[in-house]
Amino acid sequence: MKLENTILIIAMSTFVLFAQETNSKARQLEAKLNSGSITAETYKAILEAGKSSDKSFIPYLKTLASRETDNDYDRALHTIKSYAQIALAMLGDEEYLNKIVREVDSKDIFLQNTAMERLAMVNNKLTYKTFYRLLEDTKYRQEVPSEGELQAAKEGGYHLRKGDEILVPRSFMVMRILSKMVANPPTCPNLNEKESDIKLWKKWFEEHKELIE
């Protein structure tokens, strides 16, 4: 009986120490984020938590990732909420990893771009699988008004200008991102992508099948 009690005490002590360490790490991250204005160092601290493989950061990161913001704010890459979602995906949180992939396929073309950049920062096997899939998408993208926006314009008697802007195909965006991610890319970064470049990237993926299998 005494042995069982001793084992229980040791186990509880270990759990308490682990919990204290976990809370300490979260508090340290929180202190960094609250130490002053938001800078590149702020975002770096969040990403470091994601790269750490330490799942004890998850509860605090989820608090940051679930911040209430307006819809347009979700299109922004460089926000605490956005980086917290990226860090959670890095740590293998299925909810946020799947959320980013869903946003890659969103009807909102600007959100698509942000999501592709978030996915690139996650940089895992699903990133490469998704990018490989998107090489097939060669359609130029035009913003499509929602039913609610069309109805509001009709009722208000005004012309809805949404849809005037056209974005490059997602395949072009993916090639641009990949050229900055990988060593010895088949196309140069910061150059205008062409549809013919897709073949080069497909060949590159054939040579690096381990990334998508």
N, C-alpha and C. Protein backbone atom coordinates (compact mmCIF):
# COMPACT_ATOMS: atom_id res chain seq x y z
N MET A 1 0.83 -1.20 0.00
CA MET A 1 0.00 0.00 0.00
C MET A 1 0.87 1.26 0.00
N LYS A 2 1.94 1.21 0.84
CA LYS A 2 2.82 2.35 0.92
C LYS A 2 3.51 2.58 -0.43
N LEU A 3 3.87 1.48 -1.11
CA LEU A 3 4.52 1.58 -2.42
C LEU A 3 3.59 2.24 -3.43
N GLU A 4 2.30 1.83 -3.39
CA GLU A 4 1.32 2.40 -4.31
C GLU A 4 1.17 3.90 -4.06
N ASN A 5 1.13 4.27 -2.77
CA ASN A 5 1.00 5.69 -2.41
C ASN A 5 2.22 6.48 -2.89
N THR A 6 3.39 5.87 -2.74
CA THR A 6 4.63 6.54 -3.18
C THR A 6 4.62 6.76 -4.68
N ILE A 7 4.21 5.71 -5.42
CA ILE A 7 4.13 5.83 -6.88
C ILE A 7 3.14 6.92 -7.29
N LEU A 8 2.00 6.96 -6.60
CA LEU A 8 0.98 7.96 -6.90
C LEU A 8 1.51 9.37 -6.65
N ILE A 9 2.22 9.54 -5.54
CA ILE A 9 2.78 10.86 -5.20
C ILE A 9 3.79 11.30 -6.24
N ILE A 10 4.66 10.34 -6.67
CA ILE A 10 5.65 10.67 -7.70
C ILE A 10 4.98 11.05 -9.00
N ALA A 11 3.93 10.29 -9.37
CA ALA A 11 3.20 10.57 -10.61
C ALA A 11 2.54 11.94 -10.57
N MET A 12 1.91 12.25 -9.43
CA MET A 12 1.25 13.55 -9.29
C MET A 12 2.27 14.68 -9.31
N SER A 13 3.40 14.47 -8.69
CA SER A 13 4.45 15.49 -8.67
C SER A 13 4.97 15.75 -10.09
N THR A 14 5.17 14.67 -10.82
CA THR A 14 5.64 14.79 -12.21
C THR A 14 4.62 15.56 -13.05
N PHE A 15 3.34 15.23 -12.87
CA PHE A 15 2.27 15.91 -13.62
C PHE A 15 2.25 17.40 -13.29
N VAL A 16 2.38 17.72 -12.00
CA VAL A 16 2.35 19.13 -11.57
C VAL A 16 3.52 19.89 -12.17
N LEU A 17 4.71 19.28 -12.14
CA LEU A 17 5.89 19.92 -12.72
C LEU A 17 5.72 20.15 -14.22
N PHE A 18 5.14 19.13 -14.90
CA PHE A 18 4.90 19.25 -16.34
C PHE A 18 3.91 20.37 -16.62
N ALA A 19 2.85 20.41 -15.81
CA ALA A 19 1.83 21.45 -15.98
C ALA A 19 2.41 22.83 -15.74
N GLN A 20 3.28 22.94 -14.74
CA GLN A 20 3.91 24.22 -14.45
C GLN A 20 4.81 24.65 -15.60
N GLU A 21 5.57 23.68 -16.15
CA GLU A 21 6.45 23.98 -17.28
C GLU A 21 5.63 24.40 -18.50
N THR A 22 4.52 23.68 -18.74
CA THR A 22 3.64 24.00 -19.86
C THR A 22 3.08 25.41 -19.72
N ASN A 23 2.56 25.71 -18.52
CA ASN A 23 2.01 27.04 -18.28
C ASN A 23 3.09 28.10 -18.40
N SER A 24 4.30 27.76 -17.97
CA SER A 24 5.42 28.70 -18.03
C SER A 24 5.74 29.07 -19.48
N LYS A 25 5.76 28.05 -20.37
CA LYS A 25 6.06 28.30 -21.78
C LYS A 25 5.00 29.19 -22.41
N ALA A 26 3.74 28.89 -22.10
CA ALA A 26 2.65 29.70 -22.64
C ALA A 26 2.73 31.12 -22.10
N ARG A 27 3.08 31.26 -20.82
CA ARG A 27 3.20 32.59 -20.23
C ARG A 27 4.36 33.37 -20.85
N GLN A 28 5.45 32.66 -21.14
CA GLN A 28 6.59 33.32 -21.79
C GLN A 28 6.21 33.84 -23.17
N LEU A 29 5.48 33.01 -23.92
CA LEU A 29 5.03 33.43 -25.25
C LEU A 29 4.07 34.61 -25.12
N GLU A 30 3.16 34.51 -24.18
CA GLU A 30 2.20 35.59 -23.96
C GLU A 30 2.92 36.89 -23.58
N ALA A 31 3.94 36.78 -22.76
CA ALA A 31 4.71 37.96 -22.36
C ALA A 31 5.38 38.61 -23.56
N LYS A 32 5.91 37.79 -24.46
CA LYS A 32 6.54 38.33 -25.67
C LYS A 32 5.53 39.09 -26.51
N LEU A 33 4.34 38.51 -26.64
CA LEU A 33 3.33 39.13 -27.49
C LEU A 33 2.78 40.41 -26.87
N ASN A 34 2.83 40.50 -25.54
CA ASN A 34 2.27 41.67 -24.85
C ASN A 34 3.34 42.69 -24.46
N SER A 35 4.58 42.44 -24.89
CA SER A 35 5.69 43.30 -24.44
C SER A 35 5.76 44.64 -25.15
N GLY A 36 5.06 44.78 -26.24
CA GLY A 36 5.11 46.04 -26.97
C GLY A 36 4.32 45.95 -28.25
N SER A 37 4.70 46.79 -29.22
CA SER A 37 3.99 46.80 -30.50
C SER A 37 4.27 45.52 -31.26
N ILE A 38 3.37 45.20 -32.17
CA ILE A 38 3.50 43.98 -32.97
C ILE A 38 4.56 44.20 -34.04
N THR A 39 5.58 43.35 -34.04
CA THR A 39 6.68 43.45 -34.99
C THR A 39 6.93 42.08 -35.63
N ALA A 40 7.96 42.03 -36.47
CA ALA A 40 8.34 40.75 -37.08
C ALA A 40 8.74 39.75 -36.00
N GLU A 41 9.30 40.25 -34.90
CA GLU A 41 9.70 39.37 -33.80
C GLU A 41 8.49 38.73 -33.13
N THR A 42 7.38 39.45 -33.11
CA THR A 42 6.13 38.93 -32.54
C THR A 42 5.70 37.69 -33.32
N TYR A 43 5.67 37.82 -34.64
CA TYR A 43 5.25 36.70 -35.49
C TYR A 43 6.26 35.56 -35.43
N LYS A 44 7.54 35.91 -35.33
CA LYS A 44 8.58 34.88 -35.24
C LYS A 44 8.39 34.04 -33.98
N ALA A 45 8.03 34.70 -32.88
CA ALA A 45 7.83 33.98 -31.62
C ALA A 45 6.69 32.97 -31.74
N ILE A 46 5.63 33.35 -32.45
CA ILE A 46 4.49 32.44 -32.63
C ILE A 46 4.91 31.25 -33.50
N LEU A 47 5.63 31.52 -34.59
CA LEU A 47 6.07 30.45 -35.47
C LEU A 47 7.05 29.51 -34.76
N GLU A 48 7.88 30.05 -33.90
CA GLU A 48 8.82 29.21 -33.15
C GLU A 48 8.05 28.21 -32.28
N ALA A 49 6.92 28.66 -31.72
CA ALA A 49 6.08 27.74 -30.94
C ALA A 49 5.55 26.63 -31.84
N GLY A 50 5.18 26.97 -33.08
CA GLY A 50 4.69 25.97 -34.02
C GLY A 50 5.77 24.99 -34.45
N LYS A 51 7.00 25.49 -34.60
CA LYS A 51 8.11 24.64 -35.03
C LYS A 51 8.66 23.78 -33.90
N SER A 52 8.28 24.08 -32.68
CA SER A 52 8.88 23.42 -31.52
C SER A 52 8.45 21.96 -31.35
N SER A 53 7.35 21.56 -31.98
CA SER A 53 6.76 20.22 -31.79
C SER A 53 6.21 20.04 -30.38
N ASP A 54 6.14 21.11 -29.62
CA ASP A 54 5.67 21.06 -28.24
C ASP A 54 4.18 21.39 -28.20
N LYS A 55 3.36 20.36 -28.03
CA LYS A 55 1.91 20.53 -28.09
C LYS A 55 1.35 21.27 -26.87
N SER A 56 2.20 21.55 -25.89
CA SER A 56 1.73 22.30 -24.73
C SER A 56 1.37 23.74 -25.10
N PHE A 57 1.82 24.20 -26.26
CA PHE A 57 1.48 25.54 -26.73
C PHE A 57 0.05 25.61 -27.28
N ILE A 58 -0.51 24.47 -27.61
CA ILE A 58 -1.78 24.45 -28.35
C ILE A 58 -2.91 25.23 -27.67
N PRO A 59 -3.18 25.04 -26.36
CA PRO A 59 -4.30 25.79 -25.76
C PRO A 59 -4.16 27.31 -25.90
N TYR A 60 -2.96 27.84 -25.69
CA TYR A 60 -2.77 29.29 -25.81
C TYR A 60 -2.88 29.73 -27.26
N LEU A 61 -2.29 28.95 -28.18
CA LEU A 61 -2.38 29.30 -29.60
C LEU A 61 -3.82 29.28 -30.08
N LYS A 62 -4.63 28.36 -29.56
CA LYS A 62 -6.03 28.32 -29.96
C LYS A 62 -6.77 29.57 -29.50
N THR A 63 -6.38 30.10 -28.35
CA THR A 63 -6.97 31.36 -27.89
C THR A 63 -6.66 32.48 -28.87
N LEU A 64 -5.42 32.53 -29.34
CA LEU A 64 -5.03 33.55 -30.31
C LEU A 64 -5.71 33.34 -31.66
N ALA A 65 -5.82 32.07 -32.06
CA ALA A 65 -6.35 31.74 -33.39
C ALA A 65 -7.85 31.95 -33.49
N SER A 66 -8.53 31.99 -32.35
CA SER A 66 -9.99 32.13 -32.37
C SER A 66 -10.44 33.56 -32.07
N ARG A 67 -9.53 34.49 -32.16
CA ARG A 67 -9.88 35.90 -31.93
C ARG A 67 -11.00 36.33 -32.88
N GLU A 68 -11.90 37.14 -32.36
CA GLU A 68 -12.99 37.66 -33.19
C GLU A 68 -12.46 38.80 -34.04
N THR A 69 -12.59 38.68 -35.34
CA THR A 69 -12.21 39.75 -36.27
C THR A 69 -13.25 39.80 -37.37
N ASP A 70 -13.22 40.91 -38.13
CA ASP A 70 -14.15 40.96 -39.26
C ASP A 70 -13.61 40.08 -40.38
N ASN A 71 -14.46 39.78 -41.36
CA ASN A 71 -14.10 38.82 -42.41
C ASN A 71 -12.90 39.25 -43.23
N ASP A 72 -12.80 40.56 -43.53
CA ASP A 72 -11.69 41.04 -44.33
C ASP A 72 -10.35 40.81 -43.63
N TYR A 73 -10.39 40.84 -42.31
CA TYR A 73 -9.16 40.65 -41.54
C TYR A 73 -8.61 39.24 -41.74
N ASP A 74 -9.47 38.29 -42.02
CA ASP A 74 -9.02 36.91 -42.26
C ASP A 74 -8.21 36.79 -43.54
N ARG A 75 -8.33 37.77 -44.44
CA ARG A 75 -7.55 37.75 -45.67
C ARG A 75 -6.10 38.17 -45.43
N ALA A 76 -5.84 38.80 -44.29
CA ALA A 76 -4.50 39.32 -44.00
C ALA A 76 -3.60 38.20 -43.51
N LEU A 77 -2.40 38.14 -44.04
CA LEU A 77 -1.44 37.11 -43.64
C LEU A 77 -0.75 37.48 -42.33
N HIS A 78 -0.32 38.71 -42.25
CA HIS A 78 0.52 39.11 -41.12
C HIS A 78 -0.32 39.69 -39.97
N THR A 79 -0.98 38.78 -39.27
CA THR A 79 -1.72 39.11 -38.05
C THR A 79 -1.44 38.03 -37.03
N ILE A 80 -1.66 38.35 -35.76
CA ILE A 80 -1.44 37.36 -34.70
C ILE A 80 -2.37 36.17 -34.90
N LYS A 81 -3.63 36.43 -35.25
CA LYS A 81 -4.58 35.35 -35.47
C LYS A 81 -4.11 34.43 -36.59
N SER A 82 -3.66 35.00 -37.69
CA SER A 82 -3.20 34.22 -38.83
C SER A 82 -1.99 33.36 -38.46
N TYR A 83 -1.03 33.95 -37.79
CA TYR A 83 0.19 33.20 -37.43
C TYR A 83 -0.11 32.13 -36.39
N ALA A 84 -1.07 32.38 -35.52
CA ALA A 84 -1.45 31.34 -34.54
C ALA A 84 -2.07 30.15 -35.25
N GLN A 85 -2.86 30.39 -36.29
CA GLN A 85 -3.45 29.30 -37.06
C GLN A 85 -2.35 28.50 -37.78
N ILE A 86 -1.37 29.21 -38.32
CA ILE A 86 -0.25 28.54 -38.99
C ILE A 86 0.52 27.68 -37.99
N ALA A 87 0.80 28.24 -36.81
CA ALA A 87 1.55 27.51 -35.78
C ALA A 87 0.79 26.25 -35.34
N LEU A 88 -0.51 26.35 -35.20
CA LEU A 88 -1.32 25.19 -34.82
C LEU A 88 -1.26 24.11 -35.90
N ALA A 89 -1.33 24.54 -37.15
CA ALA A 89 -1.22 23.57 -38.26
C ALA A 89 0.15 22.91 -38.25
N MET A 90 1.19 23.67 -37.94
CA MET A 90 2.55 23.11 -37.83
C MET A 90 2.61 22.03 -36.75
N LEU A 91 1.87 22.25 -35.66
CA LEU A 91 1.86 21.31 -34.55
C LEU A 91 0.96 20.11 -34.80
N GLY A 92 0.36 20.07 -36.00
CA GLY A 92 -0.46 18.92 -36.37
C GLY A 92 -1.90 19.01 -35.95
N ASP A 93 -2.37 20.19 -35.58
CA ASP A 93 -3.77 20.35 -35.19
C ASP A 93 -4.64 20.23 -36.45
N GLU A 94 -5.43 19.17 -36.52
CA GLU A 94 -6.21 18.87 -37.73
C GLU A 94 -7.23 19.96 -38.04
N GLU A 95 -7.82 20.54 -37.01
CA GLU A 95 -8.85 21.56 -37.22
C GLU A 95 -8.30 22.73 -38.04
N TYR A 96 -7.15 23.23 -37.65
CA TYR A 96 -6.60 24.42 -38.31
C TYR A 96 -5.88 24.07 -39.60
N LEU A 97 -5.28 22.90 -39.67
CA LEU A 97 -4.66 22.47 -40.92
C LEU A 97 -5.72 22.32 -42.00
N ASN A 98 -6.83 21.67 -41.66
CA ASN A 98 -7.93 21.50 -42.62
C ASN A 98 -8.59 22.83 -42.96
N LYS A 99 -8.64 23.74 -42.00
CA LYS A 99 -9.22 25.06 -42.24
C LYS A 99 -8.44 25.80 -43.31
N ILE A 100 -7.11 25.76 -43.21
CA ILE A 100 -6.27 26.45 -44.18
C ILE A 100 -6.47 25.84 -45.57
N VAL A 101 -6.52 24.51 -45.65
CA VAL A 101 -6.70 23.85 -46.95
C VAL A 101 -8.07 24.20 -47.54
N ARG A 102 -9.11 24.25 -46.69
CA ARG A 102 -10.44 24.65 -47.18
C ARG A 102 -10.40 26.07 -47.75
N GLU A 103 -9.66 26.95 -47.10
CA GLU A 103 -9.60 28.34 -47.55
C GLU A 103 -8.83 28.47 -48.87
N VAL A 104 -7.93 27.54 -49.13
CA VAL A 104 -7.24 27.50 -50.44
C VAL A 104 -8.28 27.32 -51.55
N ASP A 105 -9.35 26.60 -51.25
CA ASP A 105 -10.42 26.34 -52.22
C ASP A 105 -11.64 27.23 -52.00
N SER A 106 -11.47 28.30 -51.24
CA SER A 106 -12.58 29.22 -50.96
C SER A 106 -13.08 29.90 -52.24
N LYS A 107 -14.31 30.36 -52.20
CA LYS A 107 -14.84 31.16 -53.32
C LYS A 107 -14.24 32.57 -53.31
N ASP A 108 -13.69 32.97 -52.18
CA ASP A 108 -13.05 34.27 -52.04
C ASP A 108 -11.63 34.18 -52.59
N ILE A 109 -11.38 34.78 -53.74
CA ILE A 109 -10.09 34.62 -54.41
C ILE A 109 -8.94 35.25 -53.63
N PHE A 110 -9.23 36.29 -52.85
CA PHE A 110 -8.18 36.93 -52.07
C PHE A 110 -7.82 36.07 -50.85
N LEU A 111 -8.82 35.42 -50.29
CA LEU A 111 -8.58 34.48 -49.20
C LEU A 111 -7.79 33.27 -49.71
N GLN A 112 -8.05 32.85 -50.94
CA GLN A 112 -7.29 31.76 -51.54
C GLN A 112 -5.78 32.08 -51.51
N ASN A 113 -5.43 33.30 -51.92
CA ASN A 113 -4.02 33.69 -51.95
C ASN A 113 -3.39 33.66 -50.56
N THR A 114 -4.10 34.21 -49.58
CA THR A 114 -3.59 34.22 -48.22
C THR A 114 -3.42 32.80 -47.70
N ALA A 115 -4.40 31.94 -47.98
CA ALA A 115 -4.35 30.56 -47.51
C ALA A 115 -3.19 29.81 -48.13
N MET A 116 -2.89 30.07 -49.40
CA MET A 116 -1.75 29.42 -50.03
C MET A 116 -0.44 29.83 -49.36
N GLU A 117 -0.35 31.09 -48.97
CA GLU A 117 0.85 31.55 -48.28
C GLU A 117 0.94 30.95 -46.88
N ARG A 118 -0.20 30.82 -46.21
CA ARG A 118 -0.20 30.17 -44.89
C ARG A 118 0.23 28.72 -45.01
N LEU A 119 -0.29 28.04 -46.01
CA LEU A 119 0.03 26.63 -46.20
C LEU A 119 1.52 26.45 -46.50
N ALA A 120 2.09 27.39 -47.24
CA ALA A 120 3.53 27.33 -47.53
C ALA A 120 4.34 27.43 -46.25
N MET A 121 3.89 28.25 -45.31
CA MET A 121 4.61 28.41 -44.05
C MET A 121 4.46 27.17 -43.16
N VAL A 122 3.36 26.45 -43.29
CA VAL A 122 3.19 25.19 -42.56
C VAL A 122 4.24 24.19 -43.06
N ASN A 123 4.40 24.12 -44.39
CA ASN A 123 5.47 23.36 -45.03
C ASN A 123 5.53 21.90 -44.58
N ASN A 124 4.42 21.20 -44.79
CA ASN A 124 4.41 19.76 -44.49
C ASN A 124 3.97 19.00 -45.75
N LYS A 125 3.75 17.70 -45.62
CA LYS A 125 3.42 16.89 -46.79
C LYS A 125 2.11 17.34 -47.43
N LEU A 126 1.14 17.75 -46.61
CA LEU A 126 -0.13 18.22 -47.17
C LEU A 126 0.06 19.50 -47.97
N THR A 127 1.02 20.32 -47.58
CA THR A 127 1.36 21.52 -48.35
C THR A 127 1.72 21.13 -49.78
N TYR A 128 2.64 20.19 -49.92
CA TYR A 128 3.12 19.81 -51.25
C TYR A 128 2.05 19.07 -52.04
N LYS A 129 1.27 18.24 -51.37
CA LYS A 129 0.18 17.55 -52.06
C LYS A 129 -0.83 18.54 -52.61
N THR A 130 -1.16 19.55 -51.80
CA THR A 130 -2.12 20.56 -52.24
C THR A 130 -1.56 21.39 -53.38
N PHE A 131 -0.31 21.79 -53.28
CA PHE A 131 0.30 22.59 -54.34
C PHE A 131 0.42 21.79 -55.64
N TYR A 132 0.73 20.52 -55.51
CA TYR A 132 0.80 19.67 -56.70
C TYR A 132 -0.56 19.60 -57.39
N ARG A 133 -1.62 19.47 -56.58
CA ARG A 133 -2.98 19.45 -57.14
C ARG A 133 -3.30 20.77 -57.84
N LEU A 134 -2.88 21.87 -57.27
CA LEU A 134 -3.23 23.18 -57.81
C LEU A 134 -2.48 23.53 -59.10
N LEU A 135 -1.47 22.76 -59.42
CA LEU A 135 -0.79 22.98 -60.71
C LEU A 135 -1.73 22.75 -61.88
N GLU A 136 -2.83 22.04 -61.63
CA GLU A 136 -3.82 21.77 -62.69
C GLU A 136 -4.76 22.96 -62.91
N ASP A 137 -4.76 23.90 -61.98
CA ASP A 137 -5.70 25.01 -62.06
C ASP A 137 -5.08 26.17 -62.85
N THR A 138 -5.50 26.31 -64.09
CA THR A 138 -4.91 27.32 -64.97
C THR A 138 -5.90 28.44 -65.33
N LYS A 139 -6.99 28.53 -64.59
CA LYS A 139 -8.01 29.55 -64.88
C LYS A 139 -7.68 30.86 -64.15
N TYR A 140 -7.78 31.96 -64.89
CA TYR A 140 -7.66 33.27 -64.24
C TYR A 140 -8.88 33.47 -63.35
N ARG A 141 -8.66 34.12 -62.23
CA ARG A 141 -9.71 34.20 -61.21
C ARG A 141 -10.33 35.60 -61.14
N GLN A 142 -11.65 35.61 -61.15
CA GLN A 142 -12.38 36.87 -61.03
C GLN A 142 -13.27 36.81 -59.80
N GLU A 143 -13.27 37.89 -59.04
CA GLU A 143 -14.07 37.93 -57.82
C GLU A 143 -15.56 37.84 -58.17
N VAL A 144 -16.26 36.96 -57.47
CA VAL A 144 -17.69 36.74 -57.74
C VAL A 144 -18.51 37.28 -56.57
N PRO A 145 -19.45 38.19 -56.85
CA PRO A 145 -20.30 38.71 -55.77
C PRO A 145 -21.18 37.61 -55.19
N SER A 146 -21.43 37.67 -53.90
CA SER A 146 -22.31 36.71 -53.26
C SER A 146 -23.77 37.04 -53.57
N GLU A 147 -24.65 36.10 -53.30
CA GLU A 147 -26.08 36.34 -53.51
C GLU A 147 -26.56 37.52 -52.67
N GLY A 148 -26.07 37.61 -51.43
CA GLY A 148 -26.46 38.70 -50.55
C GLY A 148 -26.04 40.05 -51.09
N GLU A 149 -24.82 40.11 -51.64
CA GLU A 149 -24.32 41.37 -52.20
C GLU A 149 -25.11 41.77 -53.45
N LEU A 150 -25.44 40.79 -54.27
CA LEU A 150 -26.24 41.09 -55.48
C LEU A 150 -27.62 41.60 -55.11
N GLN A 151 -28.23 40.96 -54.10
CA GLN A 151 -29.56 41.37 -53.66
C GLN A 151 -29.54 42.77 -53.07
N ALA A 152 -28.49 43.05 -52.27
CA ALA A 152 -28.38 44.38 -51.65
C ALA A 152 -28.21 45.46 -52.70
N ALA A 153 -27.42 45.18 -53.74
CA ALA A 153 -27.20 46.14 -54.82
C ALA A 153 -28.50 46.39 -55.59
N LYS A 154 -29.24 45.32 -55.79
CA LYS A 154 -30.52 45.45 -56.51
C LYS A 154 -31.50 46.28 -55.71
N GLU A 155 -31.60 45.99 -54.42
CA GLU A 155 -32.54 46.73 -53.57
C GLU A 155 -32.10 48.18 -53.37
N GLY A 156 -30.77 48.40 -53.33
CA GLY A 156 -30.28 49.76 -53.13
C GLY A 156 -30.17 50.57 -54.40
N GLY A 157 -30.31 49.90 -55.54
CA GLY A 157 -30.27 50.60 -56.80
C GLY A 157 -28.89 51.11 -57.18
N TYR A 158 -27.85 50.41 -56.76
CA TYR A 158 -26.50 50.85 -57.10
C TYR A 158 -25.77 49.75 -57.88
N HIS A 159 -24.72 50.18 -58.58
CA HIS A 159 -23.94 49.25 -59.38
C HIS A 159 -22.88 48.59 -58.50
N LEU A 160 -22.83 47.29 -58.54
CA LEU A 160 -21.86 46.54 -57.76
C LEU A 160 -20.59 46.36 -58.58
N ARG A 161 -19.50 46.97 -58.11
CA ARG A 161 -18.26 46.93 -58.87
C ARG A 161 -17.42 45.69 -58.56
N LYS A 162 -17.85 44.92 -57.61
CA LYS A 162 -17.09 43.73 -57.25
C LYS A 162 -16.99 42.79 -58.45
N GLY A 163 -15.80 42.32 -58.72
CA GLY A 163 -15.59 41.44 -59.86
C GLY A 163 -14.73 42.08 -60.93
N ASP A 164 -14.35 43.36 -60.71
CA ASP A 164 -13.53 44.05 -61.70
C ASP A 164 -12.09 43.55 -61.71
N GLU A 165 -11.61 43.08 -60.55
CA GLU A 165 -10.22 42.66 -60.45
C GLU A 165 -10.06 41.19 -60.82
N ILE A 166 -9.01 40.90 -61.57
CA ILE A 166 -8.74 39.52 -62.00
C ILE A 166 -7.37 39.10 -61.47
N LEU A 167 -7.30 37.94 -60.86
CA LEU A 167 -6.05 37.42 -60.32
C LEU A 167 -5.52 36.29 -61.19
N VAL A 168 -4.22 36.07 -61.10
CA VAL A 168 -3.58 34.99 -61.89
C VAL A 168 -4.11 33.64 -61.41
N PRO A 169 -3.99 32.60 -62.22
CA PRO A 169 -4.42 31.26 -61.80
C PRO A 169 -3.69 30.81 -60.54
N ARG A 170 -4.33 29.91 -59.81
CA ARG A 170 -3.70 29.39 -58.59
C ARG A 170 -2.41 28.64 -58.92
N SER A 171 -2.34 28.02 -60.09
CA SER A 171 -1.11 27.33 -60.48
C SER A 171 0.06 28.31 -60.56
N PHE A 172 -0.18 29.51 -61.04
CA PHE A 172 0.87 30.53 -61.14
C PHE A 172 1.32 30.94 -59.74
N MET A 173 0.34 31.12 -58.86
CA MET A 173 0.63 31.51 -57.48
C MET A 173 1.46 30.42 -56.79
N VAL A 174 1.09 29.17 -57.01
CA VAL A 174 1.80 28.04 -56.40
C VAL A 174 3.25 27.99 -56.89
N MET A 175 3.46 28.17 -58.19
CA MET A 175 4.82 28.14 -58.73
C MET A 175 5.66 29.26 -58.14
N ARG A 176 5.04 30.42 -57.96
CA ARG A 176 5.75 31.57 -57.38
C ARG A 176 6.18 31.25 -55.94
N ILE A 177 5.27 30.64 -55.19
CA ILE A 177 5.57 30.30 -53.79
C ILE A 177 6.61 29.19 -53.71
N LEU A 178 6.42 28.14 -54.50
CA LEU A 178 7.35 27.01 -54.47
C LEU A 178 8.78 27.42 -54.84
N SER A 179 8.90 28.35 -55.77
CA SER A 179 10.23 28.77 -56.21
C SER A 179 11.03 29.44 -55.09
N LYS A 180 10.31 29.90 -54.04
CA LYS A 180 10.97 30.51 -52.88
C LYS A 180 11.11 29.53 -51.73
N MET A 181 10.44 28.38 -51.84
CA MET A 181 10.44 27.40 -50.76
C MET A 181 11.53 26.35 -50.89
N VAL A 182 11.78 25.91 -52.12
CA VAL A 182 12.61 24.73 -52.32
C VAL A 182 13.99 25.09 -52.85
N ALA A 183 14.93 24.19 -52.65
CA ALA A 183 16.28 24.38 -53.18
C ALA A 183 16.29 24.03 -54.67
N ASN A 184 17.03 24.78 -55.44
CA ASN A 184 17.18 24.55 -56.89
C ASN A 184 15.83 24.41 -57.61
N PRO A 185 14.97 25.41 -57.51
CA PRO A 185 13.68 25.33 -58.20
C PRO A 185 13.86 25.37 -59.72
N PRO A 186 12.95 24.78 -60.46
CA PRO A 186 13.07 24.77 -61.93
C PRO A 186 12.75 26.12 -62.57
N THR A 187 12.13 27.02 -61.82
CA THR A 187 11.88 28.38 -62.32
C THR A 187 12.41 29.37 -61.29
N CYS A 188 12.77 30.54 -61.77
CA CYS A 188 13.35 31.55 -60.88
C CYS A 188 12.27 32.31 -60.11
N PRO A 189 12.55 32.63 -58.85
CA PRO A 189 11.60 33.44 -58.08
C PRO A 189 11.46 34.84 -58.68
N ASN A 190 10.31 35.44 -58.44
CA ASN A 190 10.05 36.84 -58.81
C ASN A 190 10.03 37.10 -60.32
N LEU A 191 9.89 36.06 -61.11
CA LEU A 191 9.71 36.24 -62.55
C LEU A 191 8.26 35.91 -62.90
N ASN A 192 7.79 36.46 -63.99
CA ASN A 192 6.42 36.20 -64.41
C ASN A 192 6.26 34.73 -64.79
N GLU A 193 5.32 34.08 -64.14
CA GLU A 193 5.08 32.66 -64.42
C GLU A 193 4.34 32.50 -65.75
N LYS A 194 4.57 31.36 -66.39
CA LYS A 194 3.90 31.05 -67.64
C LYS A 194 3.28 29.67 -67.52
N GLU A 195 2.27 29.41 -68.32
CA GLU A 195 1.61 28.11 -68.27
C GLU A 195 2.58 26.99 -68.65
N SER A 196 3.53 27.30 -69.51
CA SER A 196 4.52 26.28 -69.91
C SER A 196 5.42 25.87 -68.75
N ASP A 197 5.51 26.71 -67.71
CA ASP A 197 6.34 26.38 -66.54
C ASP A 197 5.75 25.24 -65.72
N ILE A 198 4.47 25.00 -65.90
CA ILE A 198 3.81 23.94 -65.12
C ILE A 198 4.46 22.59 -65.38
N LYS A 199 4.82 22.34 -66.63
CA LYS A 199 5.48 21.07 -66.97
C LYS A 199 6.79 20.91 -66.20
N LEU A 200 7.51 22.01 -66.04
CA LEU A 200 8.79 21.97 -65.32
C LEU A 200 8.56 21.59 -63.86
N TRP A 201 7.50 22.15 -63.29
CA TRP A 201 7.22 21.85 -61.89
C TRP A 201 6.66 20.44 -61.72
N LYS A 202 5.92 19.96 -62.67
CA LYS A 202 5.44 18.57 -62.58
C LYS A 202 6.62 17.60 -62.65
N LYS A 203 7.58 17.92 -63.50
CA LYS A 203 8.78 17.09 -63.59
C LYS A 203 9.55 17.14 -62.27
N TRP A 204 9.60 18.33 -61.68
CA TRP A 204 10.29 18.48 -60.38
C TRP A 204 9.63 17.60 -59.32
N PHE A 205 8.30 17.57 -59.31
CA PHE A 205 7.59 16.73 -58.36
C PHE A 205 7.83 15.24 -58.62
N GLU A 206 7.97 14.87 -59.89
CA GLU A 206 8.29 13.47 -60.21
C GLU A 206 9.64 13.09 -59.62
N GLU A 207 10.54 14.04 -59.58
CA GLU A 207 11.87 13.80 -59.03
C GLU A 207 11.90 13.87 -57.51
N HIS A 208 10.81 14.38 -56.92
CA HIS A 208 10.72 14.49 -55.46
C HIS A 208 9.40 13.89 -54.98
N LYS A 209 9.15 12.66 -55.42
CA LYS A 209 7.88 12.00 -55.13
C LYS A 209 7.65 11.82 -53.64
N GLU A 210 8.72 11.77 -52.85
CA GLU A 210 8.56 11.56 -51.41
C GLU A 210 7.77 12.68 -50.75
N LEU A 211 7.67 13.81 -51.42
CA LEU A 211 6.94 14.95 -50.84
C LEU A 211 5.43 14.81 -50.97
N ILE A 212 4.99 13.99 -51.92
CA ILE A 212 3.55 13.91 -52.17
C ILE A 212 2.99 12.51 -52.03
N GLU A 213 3.82 11.53 -51.74
CA GLU A 213 3.32 10.15 -51.61
C GLU A 213 3.09 9.79 -50.15
